[in-house]
């Protein structure tokens, strides 16, 4: 597995293993989770009616709302199949697929109070 350097004008990281490449775009900053009372009622009631009312693990990213429970814990391998590089080795804790080869990644701090988030898409080298 190799990493491409991150430059100011190109914040995309690349993880490559064989002919599989996962491109990750992130600002690499820790953010606080959003509490339920800070989520607009229409969003909370229409999109997250299954979440406990006092939950504190909401996330707003690229004009979309997410809840931590929507992410699947990464256990090795990538989104594009068993030949893809490991997201765990790259430091990501969870994944929410938006399509077959793209989605959102999350890393949660050890105390569970903050997160880092990024968007990924898989390609071939």
N, C-alpha and C. Protein backbone atom coordinates (compact mmCIF):
# COMPACT_ATOMS: atom_id res chain seq x y z
N UNK A 1 0.86 -1.17 0.00
CA UNK A 1 0.00 0.00 0.00
C UNK A 1 0.90 1.23 0.00
N UNK A 2 0.58 2.19 -0.85
CA UNK A 2 1.35 3.43 -0.91
C UNK A 2 0.42 4.62 -0.80
N UNK A 3 0.95 5.72 -0.29
CA UNK A 3 0.20 6.98 -0.19
C UNK A 3 0.80 7.98 -1.15
N UNK A 4 -0.04 8.76 -1.80
CA UNK A 4 0.42 9.90 -2.59
C UNK A 4 0.48 11.09 -1.64
N UNK A 5 1.46 11.94 -1.81
CA UNK A 5 1.55 13.13 -0.98
C UNK A 5 0.32 14.02 -1.18
N UNK A 6 -0.01 14.77 -0.16
CA UNK A 6 -1.14 15.70 -0.23
C UNK A 6 -0.59 17.11 -0.42
N UNK A 7 -1.08 17.77 -1.45
CA UNK A 7 -0.63 19.13 -1.74
C UNK A 7 -1.78 20.10 -1.55
N UNK A 8 -1.47 21.36 -1.31
CA UNK A 8 -2.52 22.37 -1.12
C UNK A 8 -3.49 22.43 -2.29
N UNK A 9 -2.97 22.37 -3.49
CA UNK A 9 -3.84 22.49 -4.66
C UNK A 9 -4.44 21.14 -5.08
N UNK A 10 -4.07 20.06 -4.42
CA UNK A 10 -4.63 18.74 -4.72
C UNK A 10 -4.74 17.94 -3.42
N UNK A 11 -5.84 18.11 -2.70
CA UNK A 11 -5.98 17.45 -1.40
C UNK A 11 -6.39 15.98 -1.50
N UNK A 12 -6.22 15.36 -2.66
CA UNK A 12 -6.62 13.97 -2.84
C UNK A 12 -5.48 13.03 -2.48
N UNK A 13 -5.78 12.06 -1.62
CA UNK A 13 -4.83 11.01 -1.28
C UNK A 13 -5.17 9.80 -2.11
N UNK A 14 -4.18 9.02 -2.42
CA UNK A 14 -4.41 7.79 -3.18
C UNK A 14 -3.80 6.63 -2.43
N UNK A 15 -4.58 5.58 -2.27
CA UNK A 15 -4.08 4.33 -1.72
C UNK A 15 -4.06 3.36 -2.89
N UNK A 16 -2.90 2.79 -3.16
CA UNK A 16 -2.80 1.88 -4.29
C UNK A 16 -2.29 0.53 -3.84
N UNK A 17 -2.94 -0.51 -4.33
CA UNK A 17 -2.52 -1.87 -4.09
C UNK A 17 -2.78 -2.64 -5.37
N UNK A 18 -1.71 -3.06 -6.03
CA UNK A 18 -1.87 -3.72 -7.33
C UNK A 18 -2.47 -2.74 -8.32
N UNK A 19 -3.55 -3.15 -8.99
CA UNK A 19 -4.18 -2.24 -9.94
C UNK A 19 -5.41 -1.54 -9.36
N UNK A 20 -5.64 -1.68 -8.05
CA UNK A 20 -6.75 -0.99 -7.39
C UNK A 20 -6.27 0.30 -6.74
N UNK A 21 -7.03 1.36 -6.95
CA UNK A 21 -6.71 2.66 -6.35
C UNK A 21 -7.94 3.19 -5.65
N UNK A 22 -7.78 3.63 -4.42
CA UNK A 22 -8.85 4.35 -3.72
C UNK A 22 -8.38 5.78 -3.55
N UNK A 23 -9.13 6.71 -4.10
CA UNK A 23 -8.86 8.14 -4.00
C UNK A 23 -9.66 8.67 -2.83
N UNK A 24 -9.04 9.43 -1.95
CA UNK A 24 -9.71 9.97 -0.77
C UNK A 24 -9.49 11.47 -0.72
N UNK A 25 -10.59 12.21 -0.60
CA UNK A 25 -10.51 13.66 -0.45
C UNK A 25 -11.02 14.00 0.94
N UNK A 26 -10.17 14.63 1.74
CA UNK A 26 -10.52 15.02 3.11
C UNK A 26 -9.74 16.26 3.50
N UNK A 27 -10.29 17.03 4.44
CA UNK A 27 -9.53 18.16 4.97
C UNK A 27 -8.69 17.74 6.18
N UNK A 28 -8.89 16.50 6.63
CA UNK A 28 -8.09 15.91 7.71
C UNK A 28 -8.20 16.68 9.03
N UNK A 29 -9.35 17.30 9.28
CA UNK A 29 -9.56 18.06 10.52
C UNK A 29 -10.56 17.34 11.42
N UNK A 30 -10.32 17.39 12.73
CA UNK A 30 -11.28 16.83 13.69
C UNK A 30 -12.46 17.78 13.83
N UNK A 31 -13.66 17.20 13.84
CA UNK A 31 -14.89 17.98 13.99
C UNK A 31 -15.72 17.38 15.12
N UNK A 32 -16.56 18.21 15.75
CA UNK A 32 -17.46 17.73 16.79
C UNK A 32 -18.72 17.15 16.16
N UNK A 33 -19.23 16.06 16.76
CA UNK A 33 -20.52 15.54 16.33
C UNK A 33 -21.60 16.57 16.65
N UNK A 34 -22.69 16.54 15.91
CA UNK A 34 -23.80 17.46 16.11
C UNK A 34 -24.84 16.77 16.98
N UNK A 35 -25.35 17.47 17.98
CA UNK A 35 -26.40 16.94 18.84
C UNK A 35 -27.75 17.04 18.16
N UNK A 36 -28.67 16.18 18.55
CA UNK A 36 -30.00 16.12 17.92
C UNK A 36 -30.69 17.47 17.95
N UNK A 37 -30.56 18.23 19.04
CA UNK A 37 -31.26 19.51 19.13
C UNK A 37 -30.69 20.56 18.18
N UNK A 38 -29.51 20.29 17.59
CA UNK A 38 -28.94 21.20 16.60
C UNK A 38 -29.25 20.79 15.16
N UNK A 39 -29.90 19.65 15.00
CA UNK A 39 -30.29 19.17 13.67
C UNK A 39 -31.67 19.74 13.38
N UNK A 40 -31.90 20.31 12.20
CA UNK A 40 -33.23 20.85 11.88
C UNK A 40 -34.30 19.77 12.07
N UNK A 41 -35.42 20.17 12.65
CA UNK A 41 -36.52 19.22 12.93
C UNK A 41 -36.95 18.46 11.69
N UNK A 42 -37.08 19.14 10.56
CA UNK A 42 -37.54 18.45 9.34
C UNK A 42 -36.56 17.36 8.93
N UNK A 43 -35.26 17.58 9.13
CA UNK A 43 -34.26 16.57 8.80
C UNK A 43 -34.34 15.42 9.79
N UNK A 44 -34.35 15.75 11.07
CA UNK A 44 -34.35 14.72 12.12
C UNK A 44 -35.59 13.85 12.05
N UNK A 45 -36.75 14.46 11.82
CA UNK A 45 -38.00 13.71 11.81
C UNK A 45 -38.24 12.95 10.51
N UNK A 46 -37.78 13.50 9.38
CA UNK A 46 -38.00 12.85 8.09
C UNK A 46 -36.93 11.82 7.72
N UNK A 47 -35.68 12.11 8.07
CA UNK A 47 -34.59 11.24 7.64
C UNK A 47 -34.06 10.33 8.74
N UNK A 48 -34.30 10.70 9.99
CA UNK A 48 -33.72 9.94 11.11
C UNK A 48 -34.75 9.59 12.16
N UNK A 49 -35.94 9.22 11.75
CA UNK A 49 -36.99 8.89 12.71
C UNK A 49 -36.68 7.62 13.49
N UNK A 50 -35.72 6.85 13.07
CA UNK A 50 -35.32 5.61 13.73
C UNK A 50 -34.22 5.83 14.77
N UNK A 51 -33.66 7.05 14.86
CA UNK A 51 -32.58 7.34 15.79
C UNK A 51 -33.16 7.82 17.12
N UNK A 52 -32.54 7.42 18.22
CA UNK A 52 -32.97 7.87 19.55
C UNK A 52 -32.99 9.40 19.60
N UNK A 53 -34.03 9.99 20.21
CA UNK A 53 -34.19 11.45 20.20
C UNK A 53 -33.03 12.24 20.81
N UNK A 54 -32.29 11.66 21.74
CA UNK A 54 -31.22 12.41 22.39
C UNK A 54 -29.83 12.05 21.85
N UNK A 55 -29.76 11.44 20.67
CA UNK A 55 -28.49 11.03 20.09
C UNK A 55 -27.59 12.24 19.80
N UNK A 56 -26.30 12.02 19.90
CA UNK A 56 -25.36 13.11 19.67
C UNK A 56 -24.41 12.84 18.51
N UNK A 57 -24.70 11.86 17.71
CA UNK A 57 -23.75 11.48 16.67
C UNK A 57 -24.20 11.81 15.26
N UNK A 58 -24.71 13.02 15.07
CA UNK A 58 -25.09 13.49 13.74
C UNK A 58 -23.91 14.18 13.08
N UNK A 59 -23.89 14.14 11.76
CA UNK A 59 -22.80 14.70 10.98
C UNK A 59 -23.41 15.42 9.78
N UNK A 60 -22.95 16.63 9.52
CA UNK A 60 -23.32 17.31 8.28
C UNK A 60 -22.07 17.41 7.42
N UNK A 61 -22.18 16.86 6.22
CA UNK A 61 -21.03 16.81 5.32
C UNK A 61 -21.51 17.03 3.89
N UNK A 62 -20.97 18.02 3.24
CA UNK A 62 -21.33 18.35 1.85
C UNK A 62 -22.83 18.49 1.67
N UNK A 63 -23.46 19.25 2.53
CA UNK A 63 -24.90 19.54 2.48
C UNK A 63 -25.79 18.32 2.65
N UNK A 64 -25.25 17.25 3.20
CA UNK A 64 -26.04 16.06 3.52
C UNK A 64 -25.87 15.74 4.99
N UNK A 65 -26.92 15.20 5.59
CA UNK A 65 -26.88 14.79 6.99
C UNK A 65 -26.67 13.29 7.09
N UNK A 66 -25.84 12.88 8.05
CA UNK A 66 -25.57 11.47 8.32
C UNK A 66 -25.68 11.24 9.82
N UNK A 67 -25.84 10.00 10.20
CA UNK A 67 -25.76 9.59 11.60
C UNK A 67 -24.68 8.52 11.68
N UNK A 68 -23.92 8.52 12.75
CA UNK A 68 -22.82 7.58 12.89
C UNK A 68 -23.26 6.13 12.69
N UNK A 69 -24.48 5.82 13.08
CA UNK A 69 -24.97 4.44 12.97
C UNK A 69 -25.16 3.99 11.51
N UNK A 70 -25.11 4.91 10.56
CA UNK A 70 -25.23 4.55 9.15
C UNK A 70 -23.93 4.01 8.57
N UNK A 71 -22.82 4.20 9.27
CA UNK A 71 -21.52 3.77 8.79
C UNK A 71 -21.25 2.34 9.22
N UNK A 72 -20.65 1.57 8.32
CA UNK A 72 -20.26 0.19 8.61
C UNK A 72 -18.79 0.21 8.99
N UNK A 73 -18.47 -0.47 10.06
CA UNK A 73 -17.08 -0.53 10.51
C UNK A 73 -16.21 -1.19 9.45
N UNK A 74 -15.09 -0.55 9.11
CA UNK A 74 -14.18 -1.12 8.12
C UNK A 74 -13.40 -2.25 8.78
N UNK A 75 -13.34 -3.37 8.09
CA UNK A 75 -12.67 -4.54 8.65
C UNK A 75 -11.58 -5.05 7.72
N UNK A 76 -11.10 -4.19 6.84
CA UNK A 76 -10.08 -4.60 5.88
C UNK A 76 -10.70 -4.70 4.50
N UNK A 77 -9.86 -4.59 3.51
CA UNK A 77 -10.37 -4.57 2.15
C UNK A 77 -10.99 -3.23 1.86
N UNK A 78 -11.34 -3.01 0.64
CA UNK A 78 -11.94 -1.74 0.27
C UNK A 78 -13.33 -1.95 -0.27
N UNK A 79 -13.88 -0.91 -0.82
CA UNK A 79 -15.27 -0.96 -1.29
C UNK A 79 -15.41 -1.67 -2.62
N UNK A 80 -14.35 -1.71 -3.39
CA UNK A 80 -14.48 -2.25 -4.75
C UNK A 80 -14.16 -3.74 -4.83
N UNK A 81 -14.17 -4.43 -3.71
CA UNK A 81 -13.96 -5.87 -3.73
C UNK A 81 -12.74 -6.30 -2.94
N UNK A 82 -12.50 -7.58 -2.92
CA UNK A 82 -11.45 -8.13 -2.07
C UNK A 82 -10.04 -7.74 -2.51
N UNK A 83 -9.87 -7.30 -3.74
CA UNK A 83 -8.55 -6.91 -4.21
C UNK A 83 -8.19 -5.48 -3.88
N UNK A 84 -9.10 -4.74 -3.26
CA UNK A 84 -8.86 -3.32 -2.98
C UNK A 84 -7.99 -3.13 -1.75
N UNK A 85 -7.29 -2.02 -1.67
CA UNK A 85 -6.44 -1.74 -0.52
C UNK A 85 -7.24 -1.59 0.77
N UNK A 86 -6.59 -1.78 1.88
CA UNK A 86 -7.25 -1.74 3.17
C UNK A 86 -7.45 -0.33 3.70
N UNK A 87 -8.69 0.00 3.98
CA UNK A 87 -9.00 1.31 4.56
C UNK A 87 -8.61 1.36 6.03
N UNK A 88 -8.58 0.22 6.70
CA UNK A 88 -8.16 0.17 8.10
C UNK A 88 -6.71 0.60 8.21
N UNK A 89 -5.87 0.07 7.34
CA UNK A 89 -4.45 0.44 7.35
C UNK A 89 -4.26 1.93 7.07
N UNK A 90 -5.19 2.52 6.35
CA UNK A 90 -5.12 3.95 6.05
C UNK A 90 -5.70 4.80 7.18
N UNK A 91 -6.24 4.16 8.23
CA UNK A 91 -6.70 4.89 9.40
C UNK A 91 -8.18 5.21 9.45
N UNK A 92 -9.00 4.62 8.59
CA UNK A 92 -10.43 4.90 8.58
C UNK A 92 -11.19 3.84 9.37
N UNK A 93 -12.18 4.28 10.15
CA UNK A 93 -12.95 3.38 11.02
C UNK A 93 -14.25 2.90 10.39
N UNK A 94 -14.86 3.72 9.53
CA UNK A 94 -16.17 3.37 8.99
C UNK A 94 -16.35 3.85 7.57
N UNK A 95 -17.34 3.24 6.92
CA UNK A 95 -17.61 3.54 5.52
C UNK A 95 -19.12 3.55 5.30
N UNK A 96 -19.59 4.48 4.47
CA UNK A 96 -20.98 4.50 4.02
C UNK A 96 -20.94 4.61 2.51
N UNK A 97 -21.28 3.52 1.85
CA UNK A 97 -21.24 3.52 0.39
C UNK A 97 -22.37 4.36 -0.17
N UNK A 98 -22.02 5.18 -1.15
CA UNK A 98 -23.01 5.97 -1.88
C UNK A 98 -23.30 5.34 -3.23
N UNK A 99 -22.35 4.57 -3.73
CA UNK A 99 -22.51 3.81 -4.98
C UNK A 99 -21.59 2.60 -4.87
N UNK A 100 -21.46 1.84 -5.95
CA UNK A 100 -20.60 0.66 -5.93
C UNK A 100 -19.15 1.03 -5.65
N UNK A 101 -18.71 2.17 -6.15
CA UNK A 101 -17.29 2.49 -6.05
C UNK A 101 -17.01 3.85 -5.40
N UNK A 102 -17.97 4.38 -4.64
CA UNK A 102 -17.73 5.66 -3.98
C UNK A 102 -18.56 5.75 -2.70
N UNK A 103 -18.16 6.67 -1.84
CA UNK A 103 -18.89 6.85 -0.60
C UNK A 103 -18.17 7.78 0.36
N UNK A 104 -18.56 7.68 1.62
CA UNK A 104 -18.04 8.55 2.67
C UNK A 104 -17.30 7.69 3.68
N UNK A 105 -16.14 8.18 4.14
CA UNK A 105 -15.33 7.50 5.15
C UNK A 105 -15.33 8.32 6.43
N UNK A 106 -15.19 7.63 7.56
CA UNK A 106 -15.15 8.33 8.84
C UNK A 106 -14.09 7.70 9.74
N UNK A 107 -13.42 8.56 10.50
CA UNK A 107 -12.53 8.13 11.57
C UNK A 107 -13.04 8.80 12.84
N UNK A 108 -13.26 8.01 13.88
CA UNK A 108 -13.78 8.52 15.15
C UNK A 108 -12.63 8.58 16.15
N UNK A 109 -12.58 9.67 16.92
CA UNK A 109 -11.52 9.83 17.92
C UNK A 109 -11.65 8.75 18.99
N UNK A 110 -10.58 8.52 19.72
CA UNK A 110 -10.57 7.46 20.74
C UNK A 110 -11.59 7.71 21.85
N UNK A 111 -11.95 8.97 22.12
CA UNK A 111 -12.96 9.25 23.14
C UNK A 111 -14.37 9.30 22.57
N UNK A 112 -14.51 9.15 21.24
CA UNK A 112 -15.83 9.11 20.61
C UNK A 112 -16.53 10.45 20.49
N UNK A 113 -15.81 11.54 20.73
CA UNK A 113 -16.42 12.87 20.71
C UNK A 113 -16.21 13.63 19.41
N UNK A 114 -15.21 13.24 18.62
CA UNK A 114 -14.88 13.96 17.39
C UNK A 114 -14.72 12.97 16.25
N UNK A 115 -14.71 13.51 15.03
CA UNK A 115 -14.55 12.66 13.86
C UNK A 115 -13.80 13.40 12.76
N UNK A 116 -13.20 12.63 11.85
CA UNK A 116 -12.68 13.14 10.59
C UNK A 116 -13.50 12.45 9.52
N UNK A 117 -13.75 13.15 8.42
CA UNK A 117 -14.59 12.61 7.37
C UNK A 117 -13.98 12.89 6.01
N UNK A 118 -14.26 12.01 5.07
CA UNK A 118 -13.74 12.20 3.73
C UNK A 118 -14.60 11.47 2.72
N UNK A 119 -14.41 11.81 1.46
CA UNK A 119 -15.13 11.19 0.36
C UNK A 119 -14.14 10.31 -0.40
N UNK A 120 -14.57 9.12 -0.80
CA UNK A 120 -13.68 8.25 -1.56
C UNK A 120 -14.32 7.80 -2.86
N UNK A 121 -13.49 7.46 -3.82
CA UNK A 121 -13.94 6.83 -5.05
C UNK A 121 -12.84 5.88 -5.50
N UNK A 122 -13.25 4.72 -5.98
CA UNK A 122 -12.30 3.69 -6.40
C UNK A 122 -12.11 3.73 -7.91
N UNK A 123 -10.88 3.50 -8.32
CA UNK A 123 -10.55 3.44 -9.74
C UNK A 123 -9.53 2.34 -9.95
N UNK A 124 -9.17 2.13 -11.17
CA UNK A 124 -8.09 1.20 -11.52
C UNK A 124 -6.85 2.02 -11.86
N UNK A 125 -5.70 1.48 -11.54
CA UNK A 125 -4.44 2.20 -11.79
C UNK A 125 -4.15 2.31 -13.27
